[in-house]
Every structure is written in structure tokens, then in C-alpha cells.
Amino acid sequence: MSLQTPANVAAAVVPFRDLWRDWLQPAGAIPYPNVTPMGVMSREMQRRNLFMAATQAFIPNGFPAGVPNITINYGAAGGWGFYQGNNWSLTIDSQYFSQDAITYSDFRELASTAYHEVRHAEQDYRSAQGLALGLANGGFNPPAMGNAAVVQMGANAGDFGGGFAAIQAAFNGNPMQNAVTRQAVIQNLLGIQANVVQHADFNQMDFANNFVTLPVPGWFTRATSRLEAEEWMRCSAARTLAGMNAWAQGPNAPYAFYANLPVEHDAHNIENGFQADLNTAITAMNPALPAPAANAAQPRTNALVFGP
């Protein structure tokens, strides 16, 4: 299971295709269990709920069963949305759900952002699995950051006095490994929630038996999925340890290399595939209408292009 498989991407676009079709439906026209206390749902809330349901439907495809739920929030994201590993959450920009005249370009970007950002969660999860498995067992070791940095990380994780050798031992598969220390080091290294690390550690063999056996996507920059996931891990560790904040990651920041980071290169390629499949699915829904991709700047209220 992984968000990168073509079948999972194709399946993920279906409820978003339906949301585009139903965007202008009157409030309360689409059955949904989470209604307001008054029993009547606004059109904006209806759209939010359907978007959340569409996102929740594809999330399980990226992880082994039982992974902690990713919390989905709406707010002023300052963009389309963002993922936060430290509280295992996804925030989607709320401003678009009140817009009857949302353009197809904006809707497509909003939907594909959800897939892009959840892919970041999968990247962190696969990184945690690979670290838990260790290099000797088909995963990988933490990056060599120098003895002092690793000793400090171990101290933060509760590895009192063990130092570099004990931390490395936690990842090389020998009898000295300690799950508690290993999980704490992974959490400190990747900056993700403890219960997610615990789940990844418990399901570490899924990395070797399932994830790395999948066909290697053409956009991967390394020869194998194991090596690609190791690149994600190193990138996430660098972000955590260096404190790269949201501003530093933005388009106006001085770090022009950001889009080429391994985690972004991967997520953007998956997002591109999602958008292409969404274009195809919406076109197939009503072939008599113009292709949405050719009319991306048009608003949903243009019935001649998108239907009622």
C-alpha cells in the first residue's frame, strides 16, 4: 500500500470529481452525517465535509492498517494547505469553500494539495519504518551527524550516557537494540508524533516486505525505493535539526533549492499525476462538455463549460 501506486491515485480522484460536480448543490442536498446542531448544513459546510470525506478515503492507502488518524483542519493556511508531523495533521485553506465561482484551477490545486501533503506524512512514516528496521535488516541508519550531535540526540531521547555507539546499536539489528530509545531517537530526528513512530516501529517489516517491493516510480531520483526513502529521511532530519520554518520553505524565501528537495520532488510529481487523473475523470463524467483542463481559469458557475 502506498499513495504512489497509479491505482490508488486514480481511486483517490473519484470523490473529488464528484465534489466538483456537486459544488453548486443547495445546502443539505447531499446526505452527510455530520450536520450542524440546527440540523441544516450550509453550502460551505457541505463542501468542507465532502472534501474531508474524500481525503479520509484515500489516507489509508498510504499506510499499514491502524495508523493513527491524520487530523484534518480548516483554517488560514497561507497557501493551499500544509502538513505538520509534530501533531500528525493536515490544514486546508478554508477560504475556497465559500466560493460558488471557484475556478477549476483553484479547485484542482486544492484537491491535489490534500494528496501532496498526505504524501509528506507517508514520507515521514516510511522514514520512521526504515530507521526502525535498521540498515542490517533492509532499512537504514540515521545520518552520521558527528559524534557530538548524535550523543546529544541520544541524551534527548533518554539514552543516558550511552553515546554514539549505543544509538547506532539501536539501528543495526543486534541484540543490544532498545525499542524505547530507538523510537525516541526517531521521534527527535523526524519531528513526528510518538504514537506514529510506535506504529511504524511495530510495522517495520511492512517497509521491507511491501513498500520496497512496489514498482519504482519513474520520478524517483534513486535506483531503489529503499534509497529514495533514505533520502526522504535525511531531508526530514535536516529540516528538523535546522529548524527550517514555513517562511524558509516558501516561494519568496532565499532557498531556491526547496522545490528540488527529495520530499518535494516526490510530492510534486505525485500531485501532477493526481491532477492529470482528475482532469481525465471529470472529462469522462460528461464528454459532451469542454475539457476542464483547457478551461482551468473558468468559474464553476459557468454552466456552458462545467454543467449545472
Protein backbone atom coordinates (compact mmCIF):
# COMPACT_ATOMS: atom_id res chain seq x y z
CA MET A 1 0.00 0.00 0.00
CA SER A 2 1.29 3.43 -0.92
CA LEU A 3 -0.06 6.70 -2.27
CA GLN A 4 2.40 6.43 -5.16
CA THR A 5 0.69 3.50 -6.91
CA PRO A 6 -1.28 4.53 -10.02
CA ALA A 7 -4.37 2.59 -8.93
CA ASN A 8 -4.51 4.45 -5.62
CA VAL A 9 -4.10 7.84 -7.31
CA ALA A 10 -6.89 7.00 -9.77
CA ALA A 11 -9.20 5.89 -6.96
CA ALA A 12 -8.44 8.97 -4.88
CA VAL A 13 -9.70 11.42 -7.50
CA VAL A 14 -13.19 9.90 -7.73
CA PRO A 15 -14.80 11.62 -4.70
CA PHE A 16 -13.11 14.89 -5.66
CA ARG A 17 -14.57 14.52 -9.16
CA ASP A 18 -17.99 14.12 -7.54
CA LEU A 19 -17.41 17.15 -5.31
CA TRP A 20 -16.67 19.27 -8.39
CA ARG A 21 -19.89 18.01 -9.98
CA ASP A 22 -21.91 18.76 -6.82
CA TRP A 23 -20.20 22.05 -5.88
CA LEU A 24 -23.32 24.13 -6.60
CA GLN A 25 -25.81 21.78 -4.98
CA PRO A 26 -28.07 23.52 -2.45
CA ALA A 27 -27.18 23.26 1.22
CA GLY A 28 -28.37 19.96 2.64
CA ALA A 29 -28.90 18.39 -0.77
CA ILE A 30 -26.16 15.82 -0.29
CA PRO A 31 -26.62 13.40 2.66
CA TYR A 32 -23.81 13.60 5.17
CA PRO A 33 -23.90 12.50 8.83
CA ASN A 34 -22.08 15.48 10.39
CA VAL A 35 -24.73 18.19 10.27
CA THR A 36 -24.82 21.35 12.35
CA PRO A 37 -26.71 21.41 15.69
CA MET A 38 -29.63 23.12 13.93
CA GLY A 39 -29.85 20.15 11.56
CA VAL A 40 -29.18 22.27 8.47
CA MET A 41 -25.82 22.37 6.78
CA SER A 42 -24.62 25.46 4.93
CA ARG A 43 -23.35 25.01 1.42
CA GLU A 44 -19.85 25.88 2.63
CA MET A 45 -20.01 23.28 5.40
CA GLN A 46 -21.38 20.72 2.97
CA ARG A 47 -18.35 21.27 0.73
CA ARG A 48 -15.94 21.07 3.66
CA ASN A 49 -17.44 17.81 4.86
CA LEU A 50 -17.33 16.23 1.42
CA PHE A 51 -13.74 17.38 0.93
CA MET A 52 -12.80 15.90 4.29
CA ALA A 53 -14.55 12.62 3.45
CA ALA A 54 -12.72 12.47 0.11
CA THR A 55 -9.39 13.00 1.87
CA GLN A 56 -10.12 10.48 4.61
CA ALA A 57 -11.00 7.92 1.94
CA PHE A 58 -7.51 7.85 0.39
CA ILE A 59 -5.37 8.24 3.53
CA PRO A 60 -5.49 4.51 4.48
CA ASN A 61 -3.95 3.63 1.11
CA GLY A 62 -0.66 5.17 2.19
CA PHE A 63 -0.09 3.24 5.41
CA PRO A 64 -0.42 -0.14 7.10
CA ALA A 65 -3.72 -0.73 8.91
CA GLY A 66 -4.20 1.01 12.23
CA VAL A 67 -2.03 4.05 11.63
CA PRO A 68 -3.11 6.97 13.87
CA ASN A 69 -5.70 9.17 12.18
CA ILE A 70 -4.41 12.28 10.46
CA THR A 71 -6.37 15.23 11.85
CA ILE A 72 -7.82 17.43 9.10
CA ASN A 73 -8.29 21.11 9.95
CA TYR A 74 -9.58 24.11 8.04
CA GLY A 75 -8.02 27.50 8.54
CA ALA A 76 -5.98 30.31 7.05
CA ALA A 77 -3.23 28.12 5.66
CA GLY A 78 -1.41 30.97 3.94
CA GLY A 79 -1.44 28.92 0.77
CA TRP A 80 -3.36 25.84 -0.21
CA GLY A 81 -2.54 23.77 2.84
CA PHE A 82 0.21 22.21 4.90
CA TYR A 83 1.13 19.08 6.83
CA GLN A 84 2.55 19.08 10.37
CA GLY A 85 4.26 15.93 11.53
CA ASN A 86 4.61 17.00 15.15
CA ASN A 87 0.84 16.78 15.59
CA TRP A 88 0.08 14.49 12.62
CA SER A 89 -2.31 16.91 10.98
CA LEU A 90 -3.29 18.43 7.67
CA THR A 91 -4.59 22.01 7.41
CA ILE A 92 -6.51 23.09 4.30
CA ASP A 93 -7.13 26.73 3.42
CA SER A 94 -10.78 27.42 4.24
CA GLN A 95 -11.33 30.45 2.01
CA TYR A 96 -12.22 28.45 -1.11
CA PHE A 97 -15.22 26.56 0.28
CA SER A 98 -17.45 29.63 0.38
CA GLN A 99 -16.84 30.40 -3.30
CA ASP A 100 -19.58 29.36 -5.71
CA ALA A 101 -17.43 30.74 -8.53
CA ILE A 102 -14.26 28.86 -7.64
CA THR A 103 -12.18 28.32 -10.77
CA TYR A 104 -11.34 24.82 -11.89
CA SER A 105 -7.66 25.67 -11.48
CA ASP A 106 -8.20 26.56 -7.82
CA PHE A 107 -10.35 23.52 -7.13
CA ARG A 108 -7.82 21.19 -8.76
CA GLU A 109 -4.99 22.75 -6.77
CA LEU A 110 -6.95 22.46 -3.54
CA ALA A 111 -7.76 18.78 -4.10
CA SER A 112 -4.25 17.84 -5.22
CA THR A 113 -2.78 19.72 -2.23
CA ALA A 114 -4.52 17.26 0.08
CA TYR A 115 -2.83 14.37 -1.74
CA HIS A 116 0.53 16.16 -1.84
CA GLU A 117 0.51 16.94 1.87
CA VAL A 118 -0.61 13.47 2.96
CA ARG A 119 2.25 12.12 0.85
CA HIS A 120 4.56 14.08 3.16
CA ALA A 121 3.02 12.16 6.03
CA GLU A 122 3.72 8.90 4.22
CA GLN A 123 7.31 10.01 3.59
CA ASP A 124 7.80 10.58 7.31
CA TYR A 125 6.15 7.27 8.12
CA ARG A 126 8.35 5.34 5.65
CA SER A 127 11.39 7.14 7.05
CA ALA A 128 10.43 6.01 10.55
CA GLN A 129 9.90 2.43 9.34
CA GLY A 130 13.29 2.34 7.65
CA LEU A 131 15.03 3.70 10.72
CA ALA A 132 13.25 1.22 12.97
CA LEU A 133 14.26 -1.64 10.68
CA GLY A 134 17.92 -0.62 10.57
CA LEU A 135 20.47 -0.98 7.80
CA ALA A 136 21.30 -4.60 8.57
CA ASN A 137 17.67 -5.60 8.07
CA GLY A 138 16.98 -3.69 4.86
CA GLY A 139 16.28 -0.25 6.28
CA PHE A 140 18.80 2.46 7.06
CA ASN A 141 20.73 4.07 9.88
CA PRO A 142 20.35 7.68 11.00
CA PRO A 143 22.60 10.16 9.20
CA ALA A 144 26.14 10.50 10.52
CA MET A 145 25.99 13.97 12.01
CA GLY A 146 29.15 13.73 14.05
CA ASN A 147 29.66 12.18 17.44
CA ALA A 148 28.64 15.23 19.48
CA ALA A 149 25.35 15.75 17.64
CA VAL A 150 24.36 12.10 17.90
CA VAL A 151 25.30 11.88 21.57
CA GLN A 152 23.14 14.93 22.27
CA MET A 153 20.26 13.43 20.32
CA GLY A 154 20.60 10.26 22.35
CA ALA A 155 20.60 12.23 25.58
CA ASN A 156 17.41 13.98 24.48
CA ALA A 157 15.91 10.57 23.81
CA GLY A 158 16.70 9.29 27.27
CA ASP A 159 19.76 7.25 26.31
CA PHE A 160 21.65 8.37 29.38
CA GLY A 161 25.37 8.15 28.81
CA GLY A 162 25.17 5.59 26.02
CA GLY A 163 26.54 7.92 23.39
CA PHE A 164 27.15 7.29 19.74
CA ALA A 165 27.74 3.53 19.90
CA ALA A 166 24.53 2.79 21.77
CA ILE A 167 22.45 4.89 19.39
CA GLN A 168 23.95 3.20 16.35
CA ALA A 169 23.30 -0.14 18.06
CA ALA A 170 19.62 0.75 18.22
CA PHE A 171 19.52 0.73 14.42
CA ASN A 172 21.81 -2.10 13.36
CA GLY A 173 19.70 -5.07 14.35
CA ASN A 174 21.94 -6.52 17.03
CA PRO A 175 20.69 -7.80 20.41
CA MET A 176 21.61 -4.51 22.12
CA GLN A 177 18.84 -2.61 20.38
CA ASN A 178 16.36 -0.90 22.67
CA ALA A 179 12.90 -0.12 21.26
CA VAL A 180 12.19 2.74 23.66
CA THR A 181 15.45 4.53 22.83
CA ARG A 182 15.08 3.76 19.15
CA GLN A 183 11.59 5.23 18.98
CA ALA A 184 12.58 8.33 20.92
CA VAL A 185 15.56 8.96 18.64
CA ILE A 186 13.35 8.54 15.57
CA GLN A 187 10.82 10.96 17.01
CA ASN A 188 13.52 13.55 17.72
CA LEU A 189 15.10 13.04 14.32
CA LEU A 190 11.94 13.30 12.21
CA GLY A 191 9.84 15.55 14.45
CA ILE A 192 6.70 13.40 14.24
CA GLN A 193 4.21 12.24 16.85
CA ALA A 194 5.26 9.48 19.24
CA ASN A 195 2.30 7.19 18.53
CA VAL A 196 3.04 7.37 14.79
CA VAL A 197 6.66 6.36 15.44
CA GLN A 198 5.47 3.49 17.63
CA HIS A 199 3.12 2.27 14.90
CA ALA A 200 5.89 2.50 12.28
CA ASP A 201 8.28 0.62 14.57
CA PHE A 202 5.72 -2.12 15.22
CA ASN A 203 5.09 -2.38 11.44
CA GLN A 204 8.73 -2.04 10.40
CA MET A 205 8.67 -5.25 8.32
CA ASP A 206 6.00 -3.69 6.12
CA PHE A 207 8.80 -1.48 4.76
CA ALA A 208 10.86 -4.46 3.61
CA ASN A 209 8.02 -6.79 2.66
CA ASN A 210 5.70 -4.34 0.93
CA PHE A 211 6.86 -0.77 0.32
CA VAL A 212 10.25 -1.51 -1.22
CA THR A 213 8.78 -4.28 -3.39
CA LEU A 214 6.46 -1.88 -5.22
CA PRO A 215 7.42 -0.80 -8.76
CA VAL A 216 9.84 2.12 -8.55
CA PRO A 217 8.14 5.28 -9.87
CA GLY A 218 9.84 6.96 -12.79
CA TRP A 219 10.29 10.22 -10.89
CA PHE A 220 12.38 8.68 -8.10
CA THR A 221 15.92 10.01 -8.22
CA ARG A 222 17.48 6.92 -6.65
CA ALA A 223 17.62 3.42 -8.08
CA THR A 224 15.54 1.73 -5.37
CA SER A 225 12.66 2.64 -3.09
CA ARG A 226 14.83 1.96 -0.05
CA LEU A 227 17.40 4.51 -1.18
CA GLU A 228 14.68 7.01 -2.09
CA ALA A 229 13.12 6.68 1.36
CA GLU A 230 16.55 7.17 2.90
CA GLU A 231 16.77 10.46 1.02
CA TRP A 232 13.41 11.47 2.50
CA MET A 233 14.69 10.59 5.94
CA ARG A 234 17.84 12.67 5.54
CA CYS A 235 15.82 15.61 4.23
CA SER A 236 13.33 15.43 7.11
CA ALA A 237 16.14 15.11 9.65
CA ALA A 238 17.89 18.17 8.22
CA ARG A 239 14.64 20.14 8.34
CA THR A 240 14.01 19.14 11.95
CA LEU A 241 17.53 19.80 13.19
CA ALA A 242 18.00 23.02 11.24
CA GLY A 243 14.57 24.40 12.12
CA MET A 244 13.52 25.17 8.54
CA ASN A 245 10.24 27.00 9.14
CA ALA A 246 7.31 27.71 6.84
CA TRP A 247 8.79 31.02 5.67
CA ALA A 248 12.06 29.39 4.71
CA GLN A 249 10.14 26.88 2.63
CA GLY A 250 8.03 29.47 0.80
CA PRO A 251 8.35 30.66 -2.80
CA ASN A 252 9.74 34.05 -1.77
CA ALA A 253 12.37 32.64 0.57
CA PRO A 254 16.07 32.72 -0.29
CA TYR A 255 16.25 28.92 -0.54
CA ALA A 256 15.55 28.41 -4.23
CA PHE A 257 16.53 24.77 -3.89
CA TYR A 258 13.44 23.99 -1.83
CA ALA A 259 11.35 22.54 -4.65
CA ASN A 260 14.20 20.20 -5.52
CA LEU A 261 14.44 18.69 -2.05
CA PRO A 262 13.77 14.94 -2.22
CA VAL A 263 10.50 15.17 -0.31
CA GLU A 264 9.17 17.99 -2.51
CA HIS A 265 10.36 16.46 -5.77
CA ASP A 266 8.43 13.32 -4.89
CA ALA A 267 5.28 15.06 -3.60
CA HIS A 268 5.04 17.40 -6.60
CA ASN A 269 5.33 14.50 -9.03
CA ILE A 270 2.56 12.65 -7.22
CA GLU A 271 0.48 15.83 -7.25
CA ASN A 272 0.97 16.18 -11.00
CA GLY A 273 -0.31 12.64 -11.51
CA PHE A 274 -3.32 13.35 -9.29
CA GLN A 275 -4.19 16.45 -11.32
CA ALA A 276 -3.90 14.57 -14.60
CA ASP A 277 -6.21 11.82 -13.32
CA LEU A 278 -8.69 14.39 -12.03
CA ASN A 279 -8.75 16.07 -15.45
CA THR A 280 -9.45 12.71 -17.06
CA ALA A 281 -12.14 11.71 -14.56
CA ILE A 282 -14.07 14.98 -14.89
CA THR A 283 -13.86 14.87 -18.68
CA ALA A 284 -15.14 11.28 -18.74
CA MET A 285 -18.04 12.21 -16.43
CA ASN A 286 -19.55 14.38 -19.17
CA PRO A 287 -17.72 14.05 -22.51
CA ALA A 288 -20.14 16.47 -24.18
CA LEU A 289 -18.74 19.37 -22.15
CA PRO A 290 -15.41 21.10 -22.89
CA ALA A 291 -12.33 19.58 -21.28
CA PRO A 292 -11.82 21.17 -17.85
CA ALA A 293 -8.03 21.39 -18.20
CA ALA A 294 -8.48 23.66 -21.22
CA ASN A 295 -10.81 25.90 -19.23
CA ALA A 296 -9.00 25.98 -15.91
CA ALA A 297 -9.49 29.73 -15.44
CA GLN A 298 -13.27 29.45 -15.79
CA PRO A 299 -15.50 29.55 -12.67
CA ARG A 300 -17.67 26.62 -11.60
CA THR A 301 -20.70 28.84 -12.20
CA ASN A 302 -20.05 28.75 -15.97
CA ALA A 303 -22.67 26.13 -16.83
CA LEU A 304 -21.76 26.12 -20.53
CA VAL A 305 -18.32 24.77 -19.61
CA PHE A 306 -18.95 22.72 -16.49
CA GLY A 307 -22.66 21.97 -16.46
CA PRO A 308 -25.24 22.90 -13.82
